């Protein structure tokens, strides 16, 4: 087999591969002999079918399969041995590739376009200064977190008078144009509303200060405009029945329930951090601060890596890519989405590709590697964070282990976790390589920076 490679502009490579009969004949003959042993043809005993007949029936297909297998193996072997940094998969050259006749003996020549990564050098040292933002944990932030835990552990209690976000239960009757109960109209018992979520302010005001026994006239369609599903749920009828409904309804209040946040006491401490772990409010706030510090540390690291990316993109400058070829490759990988998709997303893909190549160099230079234990540990932390969002900070380790194992059964989850593990190790390494320009900011300021404001 003969392979030649030329890349005069450093990014558009042309690889020519000539497959000679000696490269594939032995393997093809062996495969055809195996076919002959198994072939069942009327008039011939098993294994006695003439080889000529086997070759006529299967020869070309076997040859095509073997040549394709051989090309794939030798092409990637050549790419690796010659250290060609190929982007995407090779594509047949549209101008130089000639049709090949597999039914005839002789050489077969294939010409491939190879997208080659641009050559550049990127490195970071202690001479490079990059901002690192730490989020300040103040009393206001702690108060908000305490209120969040109180809300998560709260419960609904009966109230005499409606206010704020209370829920109201009552019986509804459809009214006619004169305000009387409509004969044969919609009637609903124990319908529930939360006026705070009405879209119309005038409808909200109708319920202000109401008490059990009060009768209020309101219009469900005005309270929930353009939301027939919500109106149907309230009136306990099918969505189709409220399509043209414009009537007012009487609402006789039977019960008002107020959501009461939990008290800041031992019961709340135990619910959040486990029984007996926290003894008083001071320790409770201290433990919350520790959790926020760990949570914000990952946010600070995320922002730091974003800033590293921006710093390197500016330092490296614009990289030259084989754009026409990469567009062909992108189209090949997204055949169902078409050329419009490629044009719309190409610029963003090139930016991500450039960052990937930069990160690849830094990861290699710092000998950063990720193993199974890293991925498993990150999966458990991701599960722990999910539970924490629901105020569950004391989930047993075996429960975390089971959830993490389920995540690791999904290929897309594993790929995402590997990427995150690389980013985390890279971030930790670079914090000890570059000079950090440390700045303390409020959570509000930090969020605005992430939003680009």
Protein backbone atom coordinates (compact mmCIF):
# COMPACT_ATOMS: atom_id res chain seq x y z
CA UNK A 1 0.00 0.00 0.00
CA UNK A 2 1.23 3.46 -0.86
CA UNK A 3 0.18 6.55 1.11
CA UNK A 4 1.19 10.12 0.35
CA UNK A 5 0.20 13.28 2.17
CA UNK A 6 0.54 16.91 1.14
CA UNK A 7 -0.53 20.00 3.03
CA UNK A 8 0.99 23.12 1.43
CA UNK A 9 -1.16 25.65 3.33
CA UNK A 10 -0.77 23.75 6.66
CA UNK A 11 -4.52 23.29 7.18
CA UNK A 12 -5.99 21.67 4.03
CA UNK A 13 -4.43 18.25 3.69
CA UNK A 14 -4.69 15.84 0.75
CA UNK A 15 -4.06 12.17 1.47
CA UNK A 16 -3.74 9.71 -1.42
CA UNK A 17 -3.95 6.00 -0.70
CA UNK A 18 -3.22 3.33 -3.30
CA UNK A 19 -4.40 -0.15 -2.36
CA UNK A 20 -2.62 -2.91 -4.26
CA UNK A 21 -3.97 -6.45 -4.83
CA UNK A 22 -1.26 -7.88 -2.56
CA UNK A 23 -2.72 -5.83 0.31
CA UNK A 24 -6.10 -7.56 0.28
CA UNK A 25 -5.96 -10.74 -1.84
CA UNK A 26 -4.92 -13.15 0.91
CA UNK A 27 -7.67 -11.97 3.26
CA UNK A 28 -10.29 -12.01 0.48
CA UNK A 29 -9.33 -15.56 -0.54
CA UNK A 30 -9.54 -16.77 3.06
CA UNK A 31 -12.99 -15.21 3.52
CA UNK A 32 -14.27 -16.73 0.27
CA UNK A 33 -13.00 -20.17 1.36
CA UNK A 34 -14.96 -19.78 4.60
CA UNK A 35 -18.03 -18.86 2.57
CA UNK A 36 -17.54 -21.99 0.44
CA UNK A 37 -17.46 -24.21 3.54
CA UNK A 38 -20.82 -22.83 4.72
CA UNK A 39 -22.55 -22.26 1.37
CA UNK A 40 -25.65 -24.35 0.68
CA UNK A 41 -26.36 -24.51 -3.05
CA UNK A 42 -28.84 -26.98 -4.59
CA UNK A 43 -27.00 -29.74 -6.45
CA UNK A 44 -23.77 -29.48 -4.43
CA UNK A 45 -22.72 -31.11 -1.19
CA UNK A 46 -21.74 -28.68 1.62
CA UNK A 47 -18.19 -27.46 1.04
CA UNK A 48 -18.15 -28.68 -2.58
CA UNK A 49 -19.59 -25.60 -4.32
CA UNK A 50 -17.17 -24.53 -7.11
CA UNK A 51 -14.96 -21.62 -6.02
CA UNK A 52 -15.74 -19.86 -9.29
CA UNK A 53 -19.40 -19.74 -8.36
CA UNK A 54 -18.57 -18.41 -4.87
CA UNK A 55 -16.35 -15.69 -6.35
CA UNK A 56 -19.00 -14.60 -8.84
CA UNK A 57 -21.64 -14.38 -6.12
CA UNK A 58 -19.63 -12.93 -3.22
CA UNK A 59 -16.22 -11.89 -4.55
CA UNK A 60 -16.87 -8.20 -5.20
CA UNK A 61 -18.73 -7.61 -1.90
CA UNK A 62 -15.98 -9.35 0.11
CA UNK A 63 -13.34 -7.31 -1.70
CA UNK A 64 -15.16 -4.03 -0.98
CA UNK A 65 -15.50 -4.90 2.72
CA UNK A 66 -11.84 -5.85 3.05
CA UNK A 67 -10.56 -2.77 1.18
CA UNK A 68 -12.72 -0.48 3.34
CA UNK A 69 -11.51 -2.18 6.51
CA UNK A 70 -7.90 -1.98 5.41
CA UNK A 71 -8.17 1.68 4.38
CA UNK A 72 -9.68 2.70 7.71
CA UNK A 73 -6.99 0.86 9.65
CA UNK A 74 -4.04 2.14 7.59
CA UNK A 75 -5.34 5.69 7.26
CA UNK A 76 -5.63 6.28 11.01
CA UNK A 77 -2.38 4.42 11.56
CA UNK A 78 -0.66 6.81 9.14
CA UNK A 79 -2.27 9.85 10.79
CA UNK A 80 -1.00 8.76 14.22
CA UNK A 81 2.50 7.76 13.09
CA UNK A 82 3.01 11.06 11.25
CA UNK A 83 1.48 13.11 14.08
CA UNK A 84 -1.08 14.80 11.84
CA UNK A 85 -3.55 16.72 14.03
CA UNK A 86 -6.68 15.84 12.07
CA UNK A 87 -10.01 17.60 12.74
CA UNK A 88 -13.08 15.46 12.16
CA UNK A 89 -13.15 12.55 9.73
CA UNK A 90 -11.52 12.34 6.27
CA UNK A 91 -13.83 13.09 3.33
CA UNK A 92 -13.43 11.90 -0.28
CA UNK A 93 -11.89 14.65 -2.44
CA UNK A 94 -14.59 16.01 -4.72
CA UNK A 95 -12.27 16.80 -7.66
CA UNK A 96 -9.50 14.19 -7.71
CA UNK A 97 -11.34 11.08 -6.56
CA UNK A 98 -12.14 8.92 -9.59
CA UNK A 99 -14.68 6.05 -9.63
CA UNK A 100 -13.03 2.74 -8.73
CA UNK A 101 -13.93 -0.58 -10.36
CA UNK A 102 -13.84 -3.26 -7.69
CA UNK A 103 -14.73 -6.01 -10.15
CA UNK A 104 -11.41 -5.70 -11.98
CA UNK A 105 -8.01 -6.69 -10.72
CA UNK A 106 -5.43 -3.98 -10.14
CA UNK A 107 -4.67 -1.04 -7.92
CA UNK A 108 -7.40 1.05 -6.27
CA UNK A 109 -6.68 4.72 -5.58
CA UNK A 110 -8.51 6.85 -3.05
CA UNK A 111 -8.03 10.57 -2.39
CA UNK A 112 -9.15 12.15 0.89
CA UNK A 113 -9.42 15.71 2.14
CA UNK A 114 -8.00 16.05 5.65
CA UNK A 115 -8.80 19.04 7.86
CA UNK A 116 -5.62 19.84 9.81
CA UNK A 117 -5.56 21.83 13.03
CA UNK A 118 -3.70 25.16 12.83
CA UNK A 119 -0.23 25.25 14.34
CA UNK A 120 0.10 27.54 17.34
CA UNK A 121 1.71 27.58 20.76
CA UNK A 122 -0.09 28.52 23.94
CA UNK A 123 1.18 28.51 27.51
CA UNK A 124 0.50 30.12 30.87
CA UNK A 125 3.08 31.05 33.49
CA UNK A 126 3.37 33.11 36.66
CA UNK A 127 3.81 36.17 34.43
CA UNK A 128 0.17 35.88 33.35
CA UNK A 129 -2.22 37.75 35.69
CA UNK A 130 -5.90 36.72 35.72
CA UNK A 131 -8.78 37.89 37.93
CA UNK A 132 -10.22 35.50 40.51
CA UNK A 133 -13.52 36.54 42.11
CA UNK A 134 -14.54 35.44 45.61
CA UNK A 135 -18.20 35.90 46.61
CA UNK A 136 -18.56 37.60 50.01
CA UNK A 137 -20.87 35.80 52.45
CA UNK A 138 -22.61 38.54 54.42
CA UNK A 139 -25.54 38.60 56.88
CA UNK A 140 -28.01 39.51 54.15
CA UNK A 141 -27.07 36.41 52.16
CA UNK A 142 -27.26 34.20 55.25
CA UNK A 143 -30.68 35.64 56.14
CA UNK A 144 -31.92 34.73 52.65
CA UNK A 145 -30.65 31.17 52.99
CA UNK A 146 -32.26 30.76 56.42
CA UNK A 147 -35.58 32.00 54.99
CA UNK A 148 -35.23 29.53 52.12
CA UNK A 149 -34.83 26.62 54.55
CA UNK A 150 -37.77 27.96 56.61
CA UNK A 151 -39.91 28.07 53.49
CA UNK A 152 -38.92 24.55 52.40
CA UNK A 153 -39.85 23.16 55.84
CA UNK A 154 -43.03 25.24 56.22
CA UNK A 155 -46.65 24.13 56.09
CA UNK A 156 -50.11 25.46 55.32
CA UNK A 157 -52.21 26.53 58.31
CA UNK A 158 -55.75 27.89 58.51
CA UNK A 159 -56.10 31.67 58.50
CA UNK A 160 -59.04 33.94 59.28
CA UNK A 161 -58.29 36.65 56.72
CA UNK A 162 -56.74 36.37 53.27
CA UNK A 163 -53.43 38.07 52.55
CA UNK A 164 -50.39 37.71 50.28
CA UNK A 165 -49.77 34.22 48.92
CA UNK A 166 -52.60 32.47 50.80
CA UNK A 167 -54.72 29.85 49.09
CA UNK A 168 -58.51 30.14 49.15
CA UNK A 169 -60.92 27.23 48.86
CA UNK A 170 -64.54 27.83 47.99
CA UNK A 171 -67.64 26.90 46.02
CA UNK A 172 -68.19 28.43 42.58
CA UNK A 173 -71.45 29.17 40.74
CA UNK A 174 -71.74 30.48 37.21
CA UNK A 175 -73.76 33.71 37.00
CA UNK A 176 -76.02 35.11 34.30
CA UNK A 177 -75.87 38.64 32.88
CA UNK A 178 -77.94 39.99 35.83
CA UNK A 179 -75.62 38.46 38.42
CA UNK A 180 -77.93 35.60 39.40
CA UNK A 181 -76.98 31.94 39.54
CA UNK A 182 -77.31 30.57 36.01
CA UNK A 183 -79.72 27.65 35.82
CA UNK A 184 -77.85 24.62 34.45
CA UNK A 185 -74.56 26.53 34.63
CA UNK A 186 -71.21 25.32 35.91
CA UNK A 187 -71.04 24.67 39.65
CA UNK A 188 -67.93 23.58 41.45
CA UNK A 189 -67.30 22.65 45.05
CA UNK A 190 -63.95 23.08 46.79
CA UNK A 191 -62.31 25.01 43.98
CA UNK A 192 -58.96 26.50 44.96
CA UNK A 193 -57.40 29.79 43.89
CA UNK A 194 -54.22 31.70 44.69
CA UNK A 195 -55.03 35.32 43.80
CA UNK A 196 -51.33 36.21 43.95
CA UNK A 197 -50.97 34.33 40.65
CA UNK A 198 -53.86 36.05 38.86
CA UNK A 199 -52.71 37.96 35.79
CA UNK A 200 -55.33 40.71 36.23
CA UNK A 201 -54.77 43.13 39.15
CA UNK A 202 -58.47 44.07 39.36
CA UNK A 203 -59.38 40.42 39.89
CA UNK A 204 -56.73 40.14 42.63
CA UNK A 205 -58.16 43.13 44.53
CA UNK A 206 -61.59 41.47 44.75
CA UNK A 207 -60.17 38.93 47.23
CA UNK A 208 -58.26 41.35 49.48
CA UNK A 209 -59.12 40.88 53.16
CA UNK A 210 -61.80 38.24 52.50
CA UNK A 211 -62.88 35.78 55.22
CA UNK A 212 -64.58 32.41 55.38
CA UNK A 213 -68.25 32.81 54.41
CA UNK A 214 -67.67 35.81 52.16
CA UNK A 215 -69.10 35.66 48.64
CA UNK A 216 -66.98 37.25 45.91
CA UNK A 217 -67.96 37.80 42.29
CA UNK A 218 -65.04 37.40 39.92
CA UNK A 219 -64.28 36.35 36.34
CA UNK A 220 -62.02 33.27 35.93
CA UNK A 221 -61.19 34.09 32.29
CA UNK A 222 -60.01 37.57 33.28
CA UNK A 223 -58.03 36.15 36.20
CA UNK A 224 -56.29 33.68 33.88
CA UNK A 225 -56.33 35.26 30.39
CA UNK A 226 -55.14 33.02 27.56
CA UNK A 227 -54.91 30.06 29.93
CA UNK A 228 -57.94 27.83 29.40
CA UNK A 229 -56.16 24.92 31.07
CA UNK A 230 -55.95 26.85 34.36
CA UNK A 231 -59.61 27.91 34.16
CA UNK A 232 -60.71 24.34 33.38
CA UNK A 233 -58.71 23.00 36.35
CA UNK A 234 -60.33 25.54 38.68
CA UNK A 235 -63.86 24.78 37.47
CA UNK A 236 -63.14 21.03 37.25
CA UNK A 237 -64.39 20.75 33.65
CA UNK A 238 -62.85 19.87 30.31
CA UNK A 239 -60.70 22.49 28.61
CA UNK A 240 -63.05 22.57 25.61
CA UNK A 241 -65.94 23.68 27.86
CA UNK A 242 -64.26 26.96 28.80
CA UNK A 243 -63.12 28.00 25.31
CA UNK A 244 -65.84 30.63 24.88
CA UNK A 245 -66.67 31.17 28.56
CA UNK A 246 -67.07 34.84 29.54
CA UNK A 247 -69.33 34.56 32.59
CA UNK A 248 -68.69 35.90 36.08
CA UNK A 249 -68.75 33.39 38.93
CA UNK A 250 -69.68 33.68 42.57
CA UNK A 251 -67.02 32.32 44.90
CA UNK A 252 -68.16 31.50 48.45
CA UNK A 253 -65.07 31.22 50.63
CA UNK A 254 -65.00 28.06 52.75
CA UNK A 255 -61.38 28.06 53.91
CA UNK A 256 -58.25 30.21 53.79
CA UNK A 257 -54.87 28.60 54.22
CA UNK A 258 -51.71 30.55 54.93
CA UNK A 259 -48.27 29.14 54.25
CA UNK A 260 -46.37 29.33 57.51
CA UNK A 261 -42.56 29.11 57.25
CA UNK A 262 -40.92 26.83 59.81
CA UNK A 263 -39.53 28.30 63.01
CA UNK A 264 -35.75 28.62 63.34
CA UNK A 265 -35.47 25.95 66.00
CA UNK A 266 -34.01 22.52 66.69
CA UNK A 267 -36.58 20.86 64.45
CA UNK A 268 -35.34 22.91 61.47
CA UNK A 269 -31.67 22.32 62.37
CA UNK A 270 -32.27 18.56 62.44
CA UNK A 271 -34.19 18.59 59.16
CA UNK A 272 -31.44 20.43 57.29
CA UNK A 273 -28.26 18.97 58.79
CA UNK A 274 -29.33 15.77 60.54
CA UNK A 275 -30.49 15.07 64.05
CA UNK A 276 -28.31 16.58 66.77
CA UNK A 277 -25.67 17.88 64.34
CA UNK A 278 -26.43 21.57 64.99
CA UNK A 279 -27.35 22.87 68.46
CA UNK A 280 -28.24 26.55 68.03
CA UNK A 281 -28.91 29.30 65.48
CA UNK A 282 -25.33 30.58 65.53
CA UNK A 283 -24.01 27.16 64.60
CA UNK A 284 -26.83 26.78 62.05
CA UNK A 285 -25.78 29.97 60.26
CA UNK A 286 -22.14 28.92 60.49
CA UNK A 287 -22.90 25.59 58.78
CA UNK A 288 -24.90 27.39 56.09
CA UNK A 289 -21.95 29.73 55.52
CA UNK A 290 -19.64 26.71 55.08
CA UNK A 291 -21.99 25.24 52.49
CA UNK A 292 -22.23 28.54 50.64
CA UNK A 293 -18.47 28.90 50.68
CA UNK A 294 -18.06 25.49 49.00
CA UNK A 295 -20.87 26.25 46.54
CA UNK A 296 -19.46 29.65 45.66
CA UNK A 297 -15.96 28.24 45.29
CA UNK A 298 -17.13 26.16 42.35
CA UNK A 299 -18.85 29.24 40.90
CA UNK A 300 -15.64 31.25 41.32
CA UNK A 301 -13.68 28.49 39.60
CA UNK A 302 -16.18 28.43 36.73
CA UNK A 303 -15.80 32.19 36.25
CA UNK A 304 -12.03 31.88 36.49
CA UNK A 305 -11.91 29.31 33.68
CA UNK A 306 -14.13 31.57 31.57
CA UNK A 307 -11.66 34.41 32.15
CA UNK A 308 -8.73 32.11 31.32
CA UNK A 309 -10.44 31.30 28.03
CA UNK A 310 -10.99 34.98 27.18
CA UNK A 311 -7.39 35.76 28.15
CA UNK A 312 -5.98 33.00 25.94
CA UNK A 313 -8.24 33.82 22.99
CA UNK A 314 -6.86 37.36 23.09
CA UNK A 315 -3.29 36.14 23.60
CA UNK A 316 -3.40 33.59 20.76
CA UNK A 317 -5.40 35.73 18.36
CA UNK A 318 -7.51 34.51 15.46
CA UNK A 319 -6.64 31.01 14.28
CA UNK A 320 -6.92 30.02 10.64
CA UNK A 321 -9.07 26.96 9.96
CA UNK A 322 -9.92 25.05 6.74
CA UNK A 323 -13.42 26.51 6.86
CA UNK A 324 -14.79 25.11 3.58
CA UNK A 325 -13.71 21.59 4.53
CA UNK A 326 -14.96 21.91 8.12
CA UNK A 327 -18.35 23.02 6.79
CA UNK A 328 -18.47 19.86 4.66
CA UNK A 329 -17.61 17.76 7.71
CA UNK A 330 -20.24 19.55 9.82
CA UNK A 331 -22.84 18.97 7.09
CA UNK A 332 -21.85 15.31 6.87
CA UNK A 333 -22.43 14.96 10.62
CA UNK A 334 -25.77 16.80 10.47
CA UNK A 335 -27.33 15.56 7.24
CA UNK A 336 -30.84 15.83 8.67
CA UNK A 337 -30.38 19.54 9.50
CA UNK A 338 -29.04 20.87 6.21
CA UNK A 339 -26.81 23.72 5.07
CA UNK A 340 -28.78 26.45 6.86
CA UNK A 341 -27.98 24.79 10.18
CA UNK A 342 -24.28 24.68 9.28
CA UNK A 343 -24.16 28.35 8.27
CA UNK A 344 -26.04 29.45 11.38
CA UNK A 345 -23.89 27.48 13.82
CA UNK A 346 -20.51 27.39 12.10
CA UNK A 347 -19.00 30.49 13.73
CA UNK A 348 -19.92 29.28 17.21
CA UNK A 349 -18.51 25.82 16.43
CA UNK A 350 -15.20 27.33 15.30
CA UNK A 351 -14.93 29.32 18.54
CA UNK A 352 -15.53 26.17 20.58
CA UNK A 353 -13.04 24.24 18.44
CA UNK A 354 -10.36 26.91 18.97
CA UNK A 355 -10.89 26.80 22.73
CA UNK A 356 -10.79 22.99 22.66
CA UNK A 357 -7.41 23.07 20.91
CA UNK A 358 -6.02 25.62 23.38
CA UNK A 359 -7.29 23.64 26.35
CA UNK A 360 -5.87 20.46 24.84
CA UNK A 361 -2.39 21.98 24.83
CA UNK A 362 -2.62 23.24 28.41
CA UNK A 363 -3.98 19.92 29.68
CA UNK A 364 -1.14 18.07 27.97
CA UNK A 365 1.55 20.52 29.16
CA UNK A 366 0.38 20.13 32.77
CA UNK A 367 -0.04 16.35 32.48
CA UNK A 368 -3.65 16.49 33.62
CA UNK A 369 -5.40 13.12 33.56
CA UNK A 370 -8.86 11.94 34.64
CA UNK A 371 -9.55 8.41 35.91
CA UNK A 372 -12.67 6.44 36.86
CA UNK A 373 -12.45 7.51 40.50
CA UNK A 374 -12.54 11.18 39.47
CA UNK A 375 -15.68 10.61 37.39
CA UNK A 376 -17.39 8.59 40.15
CA UNK A 377 -16.58 11.23 42.76
CA UNK A 378 -17.95 13.99 40.55
CA UNK A 379 -21.14 12.00 39.88
CA UNK A 380 -21.74 11.72 43.64
CA UNK A 381 -21.14 15.43 44.13
CA UNK A 382 -23.61 16.24 41.35
CA UNK A 383 -26.24 14.07 43.05
CA UNK A 384 -25.47 15.67 46.42
CA UNK A 385 -25.99 19.12 44.88
CA UNK A 386 -29.35 18.05 43.44
CA UNK A 387 -30.55 16.91 46.85
CA UNK A 388 -29.25 20.14 48.42
CA UNK A 389 -31.51 22.15 46.10
CA UNK A 390 -34.45 20.61 47.95
CA UNK A 391 -32.99 21.36 51.36
CA UNK A 392 -31.67 17.82 51.89
CA UNK A 393 -28.10 18.25 53.11
CA UNK A 394 -27.71 15.00 55.05
CA UNK A 395 -28.34 12.34 52.41
CA UNK A 396 -26.72 8.97 53.36
CA UNK A 397 -23.64 8.00 51.36
CA UNK A 398 -25.18 4.75 50.11
CA UNK A 399 -28.09 6.68 48.60
CA UNK A 400 -25.66 9.02 46.82
CA UNK A 401 -23.73 5.97 45.61
CA UNK A 402 -26.83 4.36 44.09
CA UNK A 403 -27.93 7.52 42.30
CA UNK A 404 -24.37 8.11 41.01
CA UNK A 405 -24.17 4.55 39.67
CA UNK A 406 -27.39 5.10 37.71
CA UNK A 407 -25.91 8.24 36.16
CA UNK A 408 -22.77 6.36 35.15
CA UNK A 409 -24.82 3.88 33.13
CA UNK A 410 -25.66 6.64 30.63
CA UNK A 411 -22.99 7.36 28.04
CA UNK A 412 -23.95 11.02 27.63
CA UNK A 413 -23.75 11.51 31.39
CA UNK A 414 -20.28 9.96 31.54
CA UNK A 415 -19.01 12.16 28.68
CA UNK A 416 -20.30 15.26 30.45
CA UNK A 417 -18.76 14.21 33.76
CA UNK A 418 -15.39 13.56 32.11
CA UNK A 419 -15.42 17.05 30.58
CA UNK A 420 -16.29 18.58 33.94
CA UNK A 421 -13.59 16.56 35.70
CA UNK A 422 -11.00 17.82 33.18
CA UNK A 423 -12.18 21.41 33.67
CA UNK A 424 -12.01 21.09 37.46
CA UNK A 425 -8.49 19.65 37.42
CA UNK A 426 -7.37 22.22 34.87
CA UNK A 427 -8.81 25.06 36.95
CA UNK A 428 -7.15 23.84 40.13
CA UNK A 429 -3.82 23.50 38.33
CA UNK A 430 -3.94 26.92 36.68
CA UNK A 431 -4.78 28.63 39.99
CA UNK A 432 -1.30 27.56 41.07
CA UNK A 433 0.35 28.50 37.76
CA UNK A 434 -0.82 32.02 36.94
CA UNK A 435 -0.81 35.06 39.21
CA UNK A 436 -4.29 35.49 40.68
CA UNK A 437 -5.69 39.00 40.93
CA UNK A 438 -8.11 38.21 43.79
CA UNK A 439 -11.25 40.32 44.18
CA UNK A 440 -14.15 40.05 46.63
CA UNK A 441 -17.62 40.83 45.22
CA UNK A 442 -21.24 40.46 46.28
CA UNK A 443 -23.37 37.66 44.89
CA UNK A 444 -25.39 40.23 42.93
CA UNK A 445 -22.23 41.69 41.37
CA UNK A 446 -20.94 38.22 40.56
CA UNK A 447 -24.19 37.18 38.85
CA UNK A 448 -24.17 40.35 36.75
CA UNK A 449 -20.64 39.51 35.57
CA UNK A 450 -21.78 36.03 34.54
CA UNK A 451 -24.67 37.57 32.63
CA UNK A 452 -22.26 39.94 30.90
CA UNK A 453 -23.83 43.08 32.37
